[in-house]
Amino acid sequence: MLTDEFLERVFANKEMQKMPIGCQSTAVHAFQEVLEDIKEENPYAELSAILSTNE
């Protein structure tokens, strides 16, 4: 689901590079699962709505 460009940016992030590669992979996998669940619940959800905060 996640594009190669997106994954490259995630793994290039300085904070991600501080974690062992196995933890990086687990974090990305969990994030992908959450996004897939959201997409399944609402296939027309916009990214801006998903990432917005209700402060």
PDB file of N, CA and C in Angstrom:
ATOM      1  N   MET A   1       0.817  -1.188   0.000  1.00  0.00           N
ATOM      2  CA  MET A   1       0.000   0.000   0.000  1.00  0.00           C
ATOM      3  C   MET A   1       0.866   1.259   0.000  1.00  0.00           C
ATOM      4  N   LEU A   2       1.870   1.311   0.832  1.00  0.00           N
ATOM      5  CA  LEU A   2       2.723   2.500   0.910  1.00  0.00           C
ATOM      6  C   LEU A   2       3.675   2.510  -0.282  1.00  0.00           C
ATOM      7  N   THR A   3       3.836   3.668  -0.878  1.00  0.00           N
ATOM      8  CA  THR A   3       4.696   3.776  -2.050  1.00  0.00           C
ATOM      9  C   THR A   3       6.169   3.700  -1.655  1.00  0.00           C
ATOM     10  N   ASP A   4       6.990   3.370  -2.615  1.00  0.00           N
ATOM     11  CA  ASP A   4       8.431   3.327  -2.374  1.00  0.00           C
ATOM     12  C   ASP A   4       8.953   4.691  -1.951  1.00  0.00           C
ATOM     13  N   GLU A   5       8.432   5.747  -2.570  1.00  0.00           N
ATOM     14  CA  GLU A   5       8.868   7.105  -2.226  1.00  0.00           C
ATOM     15  C   GLU A   5       8.549   7.419  -0.758  1.00  0.00           C
ATOM     16  N   PHE A   6       7.351   7.050  -0.325  1.00  0.00           N
ATOM     17  CA  PHE A   6       6.958   7.283   1.063  1.00  0.00           C
ATOM     18  C   PHE A   6       7.865   6.503   2.012  1.00  0.00           C
ATOM     19  N   LEU A   7       8.095   5.227   1.703  1.00  0.00           N
ATOM     20  CA  LEU A   7       8.942   4.396   2.562  1.00  0.00           C
ATOM     21  C   LEU A   7      10.372   4.926   2.610  1.00  0.00           C
ATOM     22  N   GLU A   8      10.883   5.398   1.491  1.00  0.00           N
ATOM     23  CA  GLU A   8      12.226   5.977   1.473  1.00  0.00           C
ATOM     24  C   GLU A   8      12.312   7.172   2.405  1.00  0.00           C
ATOM     25  N   ARG A   9      11.292   8.006   2.398  1.00  0.00           N
ATOM     26  CA  ARG A   9      11.281   9.181   3.274  1.00  0.00           C
ATOM     27  C   ARG A   9      11.209   8.766   4.742  1.00  0.00           C
ATOM     28  N   VAL A  10      10.391   7.765   5.027  1.00  0.00           N
ATOM     29  CA  VAL A  10      10.255   7.296   6.407  1.00  0.00           C
ATOM     30  C   VAL A  10      11.589   6.740   6.902  1.00  0.00           C
ATOM     31  N   PHE A  11      12.203   5.861   6.134  1.00  0.00           N
ATOM     32  CA  PHE A  11      13.443   5.234   6.568  1.00  0.00           C
ATOM     33  C   PHE A  11      14.629   6.197   6.546  1.00  0.00           C
ATOM     34  N   ALA A  12      14.532   7.279   5.796  1.00  0.00           N
ATOM     35  CA  ALA A  12      15.585   8.294   5.766  1.00  0.00           C
ATOM     36  C   ALA A  12      15.463   9.276   6.929  1.00  0.00           C
ATOM     37  N   ASN A  13      14.337   9.270   7.604  1.00  0.00           N
ATOM     38  CA  ASN A  13      14.097  10.186   8.714  1.00  0.00           C
ATOM     39  C   ASN A  13      15.115   9.933   9.828  1.00  0.00           C
ATOM     40  N   LYS A  14      15.709  11.005  10.354  1.00  0.00           N
ATOM     41  CA  LYS A  14      16.753  10.870  11.377  1.00  0.00           C
ATOM     42  C   LYS A  14      16.255  10.157  12.624  1.00  0.00           C
ATOM     43  N   GLU A  15      15.022  10.416  13.035  1.00  0.00           N
ATOM     44  CA  GLU A  15      14.475   9.760  14.224  1.00  0.00           C
ATOM     45  C   GLU A  15      14.304   8.260  13.991  1.00  0.00           C
ATOM     46  N   MET A  16      13.876   7.874  12.801  1.00  0.00           N
ATOM     47  CA  MET A  16      13.716   6.447  12.486  1.00  0.00           C
ATOM     48  C   MET A  16      15.074   5.744  12.487  1.00  0.00           C
ATOM     49  N   GLN A  17      16.100   6.434  12.025  1.00  0.00           N
ATOM     50  CA  GLN A  17      17.424   5.824  11.936  1.00  0.00           C
ATOM     51  C   GLN A  17      18.032   5.557  13.311  1.00  0.00           C
ATOM     52  N   LYS A  18      17.473   6.154  14.355  1.00  0.00           N
ATOM     53  CA  LYS A  18      17.954   5.912  15.711  1.00  0.00           C
ATOM     54  C   LYS A  18      17.472   4.560  16.240  1.00  0.00           C
ATOM     55  N   MET A  19      16.458   3.987  15.583  1.00  0.00           N
ATOM     56  CA  MET A  19      15.884   2.716  16.029  1.00  0.00           C
ATOM     57  C   MET A  19      16.525   1.564  15.266  1.00  0.00           C
ATOM     58  N   PRO A  20      16.621   0.383  15.897  1.00  0.00           N
ATOM     59  CA  PRO A  20      17.100  -0.793  15.162  1.00  0.00           C
ATOM     60  C   PRO A  20      16.177  -1.083  13.971  1.00  0.00           C
ATOM     61  N   ILE A  21      16.730  -1.643  12.911  1.00  0.00           N
ATOM     62  CA  ILE A  21      15.983  -1.871  11.675  1.00  0.00           C
ATOM     63  C   ILE A  21      14.736  -2.720  11.911  1.00  0.00           C
ATOM     64  N   GLY A  22      14.785  -3.679  12.805  1.00  0.00           N
ATOM     65  CA  GLY A  22      13.613  -4.500  13.098  1.00  0.00           C
ATOM     66  C   GLY A  22      12.488  -3.674  13.688  1.00  0.00           C
ATOM     67  N   CYS A  23      12.830  -2.733  14.542  1.00  0.00           N
ATOM     68  CA  CYS A  23      11.821  -1.841  15.134  1.00  0.00           C
ATOM     69  C   CYS A  23      11.265  -0.900  14.084  1.00  0.00           C
ATOM     70  N   GLN A  24      12.107  -0.435  13.180  1.00  0.00           N
ATOM     71  CA  GLN A  24      11.645   0.428  12.094  1.00  0.00           C
ATOM     72  C   GLN A  24      10.603  -0.309  11.256  1.00  0.00           C
ATOM     73  N   SER A  25      10.915  -1.541  10.918  1.00  0.00           N
ATOM     74  CA  SER A  25      10.012  -2.339  10.103  1.00  0.00           C
ATOM     75  C   SER A  25       8.681  -2.568  10.811  1.00  0.00           C
ATOM     76  N   THR A  26       8.746  -2.861  12.108  1.00  0.00           N
ATOM     77  CA  THR A  26       7.527  -3.075  12.889  1.00  0.00           C
ATOM     78  C   THR A  26       6.684  -1.804  12.939  1.00  0.00           C
ATOM     79  N   ALA A  27       7.325  -0.668  13.136  1.00  0.00           N
ATOM     80  CA  ALA A  27       6.611   0.608  13.203  1.00  0.00           C
ATOM     81  C   ALA A  27       5.916   0.910  11.879  1.00  0.00           C
ATOM     82  N   VAL A  28       6.606   0.718  10.772  1.00  0.00           N
ATOM     83  CA  VAL A  28       6.025   0.989   9.461  1.00  0.00           C
ATOM     84  C   VAL A  28       4.880   0.020   9.184  1.00  0.00           C
ATOM     85  N   HIS A  29       5.055  -1.239   9.540  1.00  0.00           N
ATOM     86  CA  HIS A  29       4.010  -2.236   9.332  1.00  0.00           C
ATOM     87  C   HIS A  29       2.753  -1.879  10.134  1.00  0.00           C
ATOM     88  N   ALA A  30       2.933  -1.464  11.375  1.00  0.00           N
ATOM     89  CA  ALA A  30       1.786  -1.083  12.207  1.00  0.00           C
ATOM     90  C   ALA A  30       1.076   0.126  11.601  1.00  0.00           C
ATOM     91  N   PHE A  31       1.833   1.105  11.159  1.00  0.00           N
ATOM     92  CA  PHE A  31       1.264   2.297  10.538  1.00  0.00           C
ATOM     93  C   PHE A  31       0.468   1.918   9.289  1.00  0.00           C
ATOM     94  N   GLN A  32       1.020   1.022   8.489  1.00  0.00           N
ATOM     95  CA  GLN A  32       0.346   0.578   7.275  1.00  0.00           C
ATOM     96  C   GLN A  32      -0.962  -0.140   7.610  1.00  0.00           C
ATOM     97  N   GLU A  33      -0.956  -0.974   8.642  1.00  0.00           N
ATOM     98  CA  GLU A  33      -2.171  -1.678   9.038  1.00  0.00           C
ATOM     99  C   GLU A  33      -3.262  -0.704   9.479  1.00  0.00           C
ATOM    100  N   VAL A  34      -2.878   0.308  10.236  1.00  0.00           N
ATOM    101  CA  VAL A  34      -3.851   1.306  10.687  1.00  0.00           C
ATOM    102  C   VAL A  34      -4.450   2.033   9.479  1.00  0.00           C
ATOM    103  N   LEU A  35      -3.619   2.425   8.531  1.00  0.00           N
ATOM    104  CA  LEU A  35      -4.118   3.104   7.337  1.00  0.00           C
ATOM    105  C   LEU A  35      -5.046   2.196   6.528  1.00  0.00           C
ATOM    106  N   GLU A  36      -4.709   0.924   6.426  1.00  0.00           N
ATOM    107  CA  GLU A  36      -5.570  -0.010   5.702  1.00  0.00           C
ATOM    108  C   GLU A  36      -6.913  -0.171   6.403  1.00  0.00           C
ATOM    109  N   ASP A  37      -6.905  -0.205   7.739  1.00  0.00           N
ATOM    110  CA  ASP A  37      -8.149  -0.292   8.500  1.00  0.00           C
ATOM    111  C   ASP A  37      -9.017   0.942   8.260  1.00  0.00           C
ATOM    112  N   ILE A  38      -8.392   2.109   8.282  1.00  0.00           N
ATOM    113  CA  ILE A  38      -9.131   3.353   8.041  1.00  0.00           C
ATOM    114  C   ILE A  38      -9.712   3.350   6.635  1.00  0.00           C
ATOM    115  N   LYS A  39      -8.922   2.903   5.670  1.00  0.00           N
ATOM    116  CA  LYS A  39      -9.387   2.850   4.279  1.00  0.00           C
ATOM    117  C   LYS A  39     -10.566   1.885   4.142  1.00  0.00           C
ATOM    118  N   GLU A  40     -10.512   0.775   4.864  1.00  0.00           N
ATOM    119  CA  GLU A  40     -11.597  -0.198   4.823  1.00  0.00           C
ATOM    120  C   GLU A  40     -12.879   0.377   5.441  1.00  0.00           C
ATOM    121  N   GLU A  41     -12.723   1.098   6.540  1.00  0.00           N
ATOM    122  CA  GLU A  41     -13.870   1.703   7.220  1.00  0.00           C
ATOM    123  C   GLU A  41     -14.496   2.824   6.392  1.00  0.00           C
ATOM    124  N   ASN A  42     -13.644   3.606   5.742  1.00  0.00           N
ATOM    125  CA  ASN A  42     -14.121   4.731   4.953  1.00  0.00           C
ATOM    126  C   ASN A  42     -13.221   4.904   3.729  1.00  0.00           C
ATOM    127  N   PRO A  43     -13.561   4.224   2.627  1.00  0.00           N
ATOM    128  CA  PRO A  43     -12.692   4.267   1.445  1.00  0.00           C
ATOM    129  C   PRO A  43     -12.542   5.654   0.831  1.00  0.00           C
ATOM    130  N   TYR A  44     -13.409   6.588   1.221  1.00  0.00           N
ATOM    131  CA  TYR A  44     -13.346   7.933   0.651  1.00  0.00           C
ATOM    132  C   TYR A  44     -12.750   8.951   1.619  1.00  0.00           C
ATOM    133  N   ALA A  45     -12.167   8.466   2.694  1.00  0.00           N
ATOM    134  CA  ALA A  45     -11.550   9.367   3.671  1.00  0.00           C
ATOM    135  C   ALA A  45     -10.386  10.114   3.018  1.00  0.00           C
ATOM    136  N   GLU A  46     -10.322  11.395   3.283  1.00  0.00           N
ATOM    137  CA  GLU A  46      -9.231  12.206   2.745  1.00  0.00           C
ATOM    138  C   GLU A  46      -8.075  12.215   3.734  1.00  0.00           C
ATOM    139  N   LEU A  47      -6.873  12.235   3.205  1.00  0.00           N
ATOM    140  CA  LEU A  47      -5.681  12.227   4.041  1.00  0.00           C
ATOM    141  C   LEU A  47      -5.685  13.386   5.026  1.00  0.00           C
ATOM    142  N   SER A  48      -6.106  14.540   4.589  1.00  0.00           N
ATOM    143  CA  SER A  48      -6.126  15.703   5.480  1.00  0.00           C
ATOM    144  C   SER A  48      -7.052  15.467   6.673  1.00  0.00           C
ATOM    145  N   ALA A  49      -8.164  14.777   6.466  1.00  0.00           N
ATOM    146  CA  ALA A  49      -9.092  14.479   7.566  1.00  0.00           C
ATOM    147  C   ALA A  49      -8.500  13.441   8.508  1.00  0.00           C
ATOM    148  N   ILE A  50      -7.785  12.484   7.969  1.00  0.00           N
ATOM    149  CA  ILE A  50      -7.180  11.432   8.781  1.00  0.00           C
ATOM    150  C   ILE A  50      -6.086  12.006   9.684  1.00  0.00           C
ATOM    151  N   LEU A  51      -5.327  12.941   9.150  1.00  0.00           N
ATOM    152  CA  LEU A  51      -4.171  13.477   9.879  1.00  0.00           C
ATOM    153  C   LEU A  51      -4.477  14.718  10.706  1.00  0.00           C
ATOM    154  N   SER A  52      -5.687  15.229  10.586  1.00  0.00           N
ATOM    155  CA  SER A  52      -5.996  16.451  11.329  1.00  0.00           C
ATOM    156  C   SER A  52      -6.213  16.163  12.800  1.00  0.00           C
ATOM    157  N   THR A  53      -5.992  17.193  13.602  1.00  0.00           N
ATOM    158  CA  THR A  53      -6.237  17.082  15.039  1.00  0.00           C
ATOM    159  C   THR A  53      -7.490  17.855  15.385  1.00  0.00           C
ATOM    160  N   ASN A  54      -8.131  17.445  16.431  1.00  0.00           N
ATOM    161  CA  ASN A  54      -9.365  18.103  16.865  1.00  0.00           C
ATOM    162  C   ASN A  54      -9.100  18.938  18.109  1.00  0.00           C
ATOM    163  N   GLU A  55      -8.136  19.809  18.013  1.00  0.00           N
ATOM    164  CA  GLU A  55      -7.772  20.643  19.161  1.00  0.00           C
ATOM    165  C   GLU A  55      -8.564  21.923  19.185  1.00  0.00           C
TER     166      GLU A  55
END
